[in-house]
Amino acid sequence: MPHETHVPPALREVEPHDRPREKLARVGVAGLSDHELVALVLSVGTRRAGALALGASVIAATGGLRGLARAGLAQLSHVAGLGPARAARLVAALELGRRALQRSGDERPQFGLPADVARWLLPQFGARPVEQFGAVLLDTKNRLLKVALVSIGSLDASVVLPRDVFREAAVSGAAAVVLFHNHPSGDPAPSVDDVAITRRMTAAGQIMGIAVLDHVILGDARYFSFKENRRL
């Protein structure tokens, strides 16, 4: 009797050429839906649901692709049928995607406009479930030295001290910094606290001799620049 490859129950009703792996080979990765991509990352489903059904459940539970990008390990672990191991696999895949969208550190990108900094930061920090505050450290030609993440806060606030930012800048020999943080709400509009910390950081930078060129607030796929809006 010929050997039969085991097919999960949820996939038996799907035509073989429309199963995610076969479909990817046939039409390319761009032709797959969000839940099909999740199904491929998960590889297998559960006793109650196949990979496609589980992928759809993940997308629904997180509120779509943007929600999935913002979801952390704890949230994903509570999706029915996912569990810690599969949740970790998804978190790792999302992080790889973010890092792949950033340029290699060896290229030393040069930032001329606020939009350049924002485009570089958004994939890595724009969709985070908690607020993170950091500084892009630059040399005298506005080329990247490093990104220093100095505070990871709660859902809607982070504690940031000027000494933490400028300690990193001084050790790295930075001539200037671009401050940045994300808003977990997805709305990059500055708060009263954001305005206050920008003023404090700018004043501290003048004392230290390290220019604060901008403060960029990151949302889902949008940003706010204090420099662009003439508020720096």
Protein backbone atom coordinates (compact mmCIF):
# COMPACT_ATOMS: atom_id res chain seq x y z
CA MET A 1 0.00 0.00 0.00
CA PRO A 2 1.53 3.39 -0.96
CA HIS A 3 2.55 5.70 1.83
CA GLU A 4 0.07 8.56 2.42
CA THR A 5 1.29 11.90 3.71
CA HIS A 6 -0.66 13.00 6.78
CA VAL A 7 -2.76 16.08 6.11
CA PRO A 8 -4.31 18.00 9.03
CA PRO A 9 -8.13 17.77 9.06
CA ALA A 10 -8.62 21.50 8.44
CA LEU A 11 -6.57 21.28 5.24
CA ARG A 12 -8.37 18.29 3.76
CA GLU A 13 -11.08 20.56 2.38
CA VAL A 14 -8.52 22.91 0.83
CA GLU A 15 -7.34 22.11 -2.67
CA PRO A 16 -3.68 21.00 -2.54
CA HIS A 17 -2.50 23.87 -4.78
CA ASP A 18 -4.22 26.37 -2.45
CA ARG A 19 -2.53 25.19 0.73
CA PRO A 20 -0.17 27.93 1.98
CA ARG A 21 3.12 26.21 1.18
CA GLU A 22 2.04 25.12 -2.29
CA LYS A 23 0.38 28.48 -2.95
CA LEU A 24 3.57 30.32 -2.00
CA ALA A 25 5.56 28.25 -4.48
CA ARG A 26 2.92 28.85 -7.17
CA VAL A 27 2.16 32.59 -6.83
CA GLY A 28 4.86 33.97 -4.53
CA VAL A 29 4.71 35.26 -0.98
CA ALA A 30 2.84 38.44 -1.95
CA GLY A 31 -0.12 36.31 -3.04
CA LEU A 32 -0.74 34.95 0.45
CA SER A 33 -3.25 36.45 2.86
CA ASP A 34 -2.27 37.54 6.36
CA HIS A 35 -3.66 34.42 8.01
CA GLU A 36 -1.95 32.19 5.41
CA LEU A 37 1.40 33.79 6.27
CA VAL A 38 0.75 33.24 9.97
CA ALA A 39 -0.18 29.63 9.21
CA LEU A 40 3.16 29.12 7.45
CA VAL A 41 5.08 30.52 10.40
CA LEU A 42 3.17 28.27 12.79
CA SER A 43 3.64 25.26 10.46
CA VAL A 44 1.14 23.08 12.28
CA GLY A 45 -2.18 23.55 13.99
CA THR A 46 -3.75 21.84 16.96
CA ARG A 47 -6.07 18.88 17.41
CA ARG A 48 -9.04 21.19 17.20
CA ALA A 49 -7.85 23.53 14.45
CA GLY A 50 -5.46 23.29 11.54
CA ALA A 51 -2.77 25.84 10.80
CA LEU A 52 -5.04 27.91 8.53
CA ALA A 53 -7.78 28.12 11.14
CA LEU A 54 -5.24 28.92 13.85
CA GLY A 55 -3.72 31.64 11.67
CA ALA A 56 -7.15 33.18 11.18
CA SER A 57 -7.78 33.01 14.94
CA VAL A 58 -4.51 34.83 15.65
CA ILE A 59 -5.34 37.62 13.19
CA ALA A 60 -8.84 37.97 14.65
CA ALA A 61 -7.67 37.91 18.28
CA THR A 62 -5.06 40.63 17.71
CA GLY A 63 -7.29 42.86 15.60
CA GLY A 64 -5.50 42.44 12.29
CA LEU A 65 -1.94 42.71 11.06
CA ARG A 66 -1.21 45.98 12.89
CA GLY A 67 -2.45 44.48 16.12
CA LEU A 68 -0.33 41.40 15.57
CA ALA A 69 2.76 43.56 15.05
CA ARG A 70 2.08 45.23 18.39
CA ALA A 71 1.25 42.07 20.32
CA GLY A 72 3.75 40.79 22.86
CA LEU A 73 4.55 37.27 23.96
CA ALA A 74 2.11 37.33 26.88
CA GLN A 75 -0.83 38.44 24.74
CA LEU A 76 -0.15 35.91 22.00
CA SER A 77 0.33 33.09 24.48
CA HIS A 78 -3.30 33.53 25.54
CA VAL A 79 -4.72 33.11 22.03
CA ALA A 80 -6.65 29.83 22.04
CA GLY A 81 -4.56 27.04 20.57
CA LEU A 82 -1.35 29.06 20.33
CA GLY A 83 0.53 28.57 23.58
CA PRO A 84 4.00 29.86 24.59
CA ALA A 85 6.04 27.93 21.98
CA ARG A 86 4.02 29.00 18.94
CA ALA A 87 3.65 32.53 20.34
CA ALA A 88 7.44 32.77 20.67
CA ARG A 89 7.79 31.64 17.05
CA LEU A 90 5.50 34.45 15.89
CA VAL A 91 7.23 37.10 18.03
CA ALA A 92 10.61 36.01 16.62
CA ALA A 93 9.32 36.16 13.03
CA LEU A 94 7.94 39.67 13.57
CA GLU A 95 11.22 40.86 15.09
CA LEU A 96 13.19 39.44 12.16
CA GLY A 97 10.94 41.39 9.81
CA ARG A 98 11.56 44.61 11.72
CA ARG A 99 15.32 44.13 11.72
CA ALA A 100 15.37 43.24 8.03
CA LEU A 101 13.72 46.56 7.20
CA GLN A 102 16.52 48.47 8.90
CA ARG A 103 19.79 49.07 7.09
CA SER A 104 22.87 47.21 8.15
CA GLY A 105 24.79 48.94 10.91
CA ASP A 106 27.88 48.74 8.71
CA GLU A 107 26.34 51.15 6.20
CA ARG A 108 26.36 54.09 8.63
CA PRO A 109 23.26 55.84 7.17
CA GLN A 110 23.31 59.61 7.02
CA PHE A 111 20.17 61.49 8.04
CA GLY A 112 19.41 64.75 6.33
CA LEU A 113 15.71 65.18 7.05
CA PRO A 114 13.35 64.20 9.89
CA ALA A 115 11.52 61.94 7.43
CA ASP A 116 14.76 59.98 6.88
CA VAL A 117 15.09 59.27 10.60
CA ALA A 118 11.40 58.39 10.92
CA ARG A 119 11.49 55.93 8.01
CA TRP A 120 14.50 54.25 9.57
CA LEU A 121 12.97 54.01 13.05
CA LEU A 122 9.35 53.11 12.28
CA PRO A 123 9.88 49.42 11.38
CA GLN A 124 11.79 48.79 14.58
CA PHE A 125 9.98 50.93 17.14
CA GLY A 126 6.70 52.15 15.63
CA ALA A 127 4.54 49.15 16.58
CA ARG A 128 5.41 48.40 20.17
CA PRO A 129 2.92 47.56 22.95
CA VAL A 130 4.80 49.68 25.52
CA GLU A 131 6.44 53.07 25.28
CA GLN A 132 10.17 53.07 24.52
CA PHE A 133 12.39 56.14 24.58
CA GLY A 134 15.74 56.35 22.89
CA ALA A 135 18.20 58.50 21.01
CA VAL A 136 19.80 58.21 17.59
CA LEU A 137 23.43 59.18 18.17
CA LEU A 138 25.09 61.01 15.26
CA ASP A 139 28.57 62.18 14.33
CA THR A 140 29.45 65.64 12.99
CA LYS A 141 28.10 64.71 9.52
CA ASN A 142 24.81 63.34 10.89
CA ARG A 143 25.89 59.77 10.25
CA LEU A 144 24.64 57.05 12.56
CA LEU A 145 26.88 56.01 15.42
CA LYS A 146 24.34 53.90 17.30
CA VAL A 147 20.80 53.80 18.61
CA ALA A 148 20.59 53.99 22.39
CA LEU A 149 17.39 52.74 23.99
CA VAL A 150 17.33 54.39 27.41
CA SER A 151 13.85 53.71 28.79
CA ILE A 152 11.17 51.06 28.44
CA GLY A 153 8.00 52.17 30.14
CA SER A 154 4.49 51.00 30.90
CA LEU A 155 1.58 51.08 28.49
CA ASP A 156 1.44 54.85 28.22
CA ALA A 157 4.46 56.43 29.87
CA SER A 158 8.19 56.05 30.33
CA VAL A 159 10.59 57.60 32.82
CA VAL A 160 13.37 59.43 31.02
CA LEU A 161 16.23 61.38 32.57
CA PRO A 162 18.51 63.67 30.53
CA ARG A 163 21.59 62.17 32.23
CA ASP A 164 20.77 58.72 30.77
CA VAL A 165 20.54 60.08 27.23
CA PHE A 166 23.64 62.24 27.36
CA ARG A 167 25.73 59.64 29.17
CA GLU A 168 25.20 57.37 26.16
CA ALA A 169 25.91 60.24 23.76
CA ALA A 170 29.11 61.27 25.53
CA VAL A 171 30.48 57.73 25.75
CA SER A 172 29.83 57.24 22.02
CA GLY A 173 31.43 60.56 21.09
CA ALA A 174 28.20 61.83 19.52
CA ALA A 175 28.04 65.38 18.19
CA ALA A 176 24.25 65.41 18.03
CA VAL A 177 21.22 63.32 18.90
CA VAL A 178 17.72 62.77 17.60
CA LEU A 179 15.38 61.81 20.41
CA PHE A 180 12.57 59.38 19.67
CA HIS A 181 9.85 57.44 21.38
CA ASN A 182 6.74 55.55 20.34
CA HIS A 183 3.11 55.98 21.31
CA PRO A 184 1.48 52.57 21.91
CA SER A 185 -1.87 54.14 20.99
CA GLY A 186 -0.62 54.51 17.41
CA ASP A 187 -1.30 58.28 17.43
CA PRO A 188 1.99 60.23 17.21
CA ALA A 189 0.53 63.57 18.32
CA PRO A 190 2.71 65.01 21.13
CA SER A 191 1.40 65.22 24.68
CA VAL A 192 2.10 67.95 27.21
CA ASP A 193 4.71 65.65 28.77
CA ASP A 194 6.35 65.13 25.37
CA VAL A 195 6.73 68.89 24.94
CA ALA A 196 8.18 69.22 28.44
CA ILE A 197 10.75 66.45 28.02
CA THR A 198 11.82 67.90 24.66
CA ARG A 199 12.54 71.23 26.30
CA ARG A 200 14.44 69.59 29.16
CA MET A 201 16.54 67.50 26.78
CA THR A 202 17.29 70.47 24.53
CA ALA A 203 18.45 72.54 27.51
CA ALA A 204 20.60 69.66 28.80
CA GLY A 205 22.13 69.23 25.34
CA GLN A 206 23.16 72.88 25.25
CA ILE A 207 24.96 72.45 28.56
CA MET A 208 26.64 69.25 27.36
CA GLY A 209 27.58 70.68 23.97
CA ILE A 210 25.60 67.94 22.19
CA ALA A 211 22.87 69.28 19.91
CA VAL A 212 19.34 67.89 20.07
CA LEU A 213 18.38 68.02 16.39
CA ASP A 214 14.86 66.68 16.72
CA HIS A 215 12.41 64.65 18.75
CA VAL A 216 10.48 62.15 16.63
CA ILE A 217 7.33 60.48 17.95
CA LEU A 218 6.43 57.20 16.25
CA GLY A 219 2.91 55.88 15.71
CA ASP A 220 1.69 52.87 13.74
CA ALA A 221 2.77 54.08 10.32
CA ARG A 222 2.96 57.82 11.06
CA TYR A 223 5.29 60.11 12.92
CA PHE A 224 5.48 63.57 14.43
CA SER A 225 8.67 65.63 14.20
CA PHE A 226 9.20 68.58 16.50
CA LYS A 227 11.63 70.02 13.96
CA GLU A 228 9.26 69.68 11.02
CA ASN A 229 6.53 71.34 13.02
CA ARG A 230 8.87 74.14 14.19
CA ARG A 231 8.44 73.25 17.85
CA LEU A 232 12.10 72.63 18.65
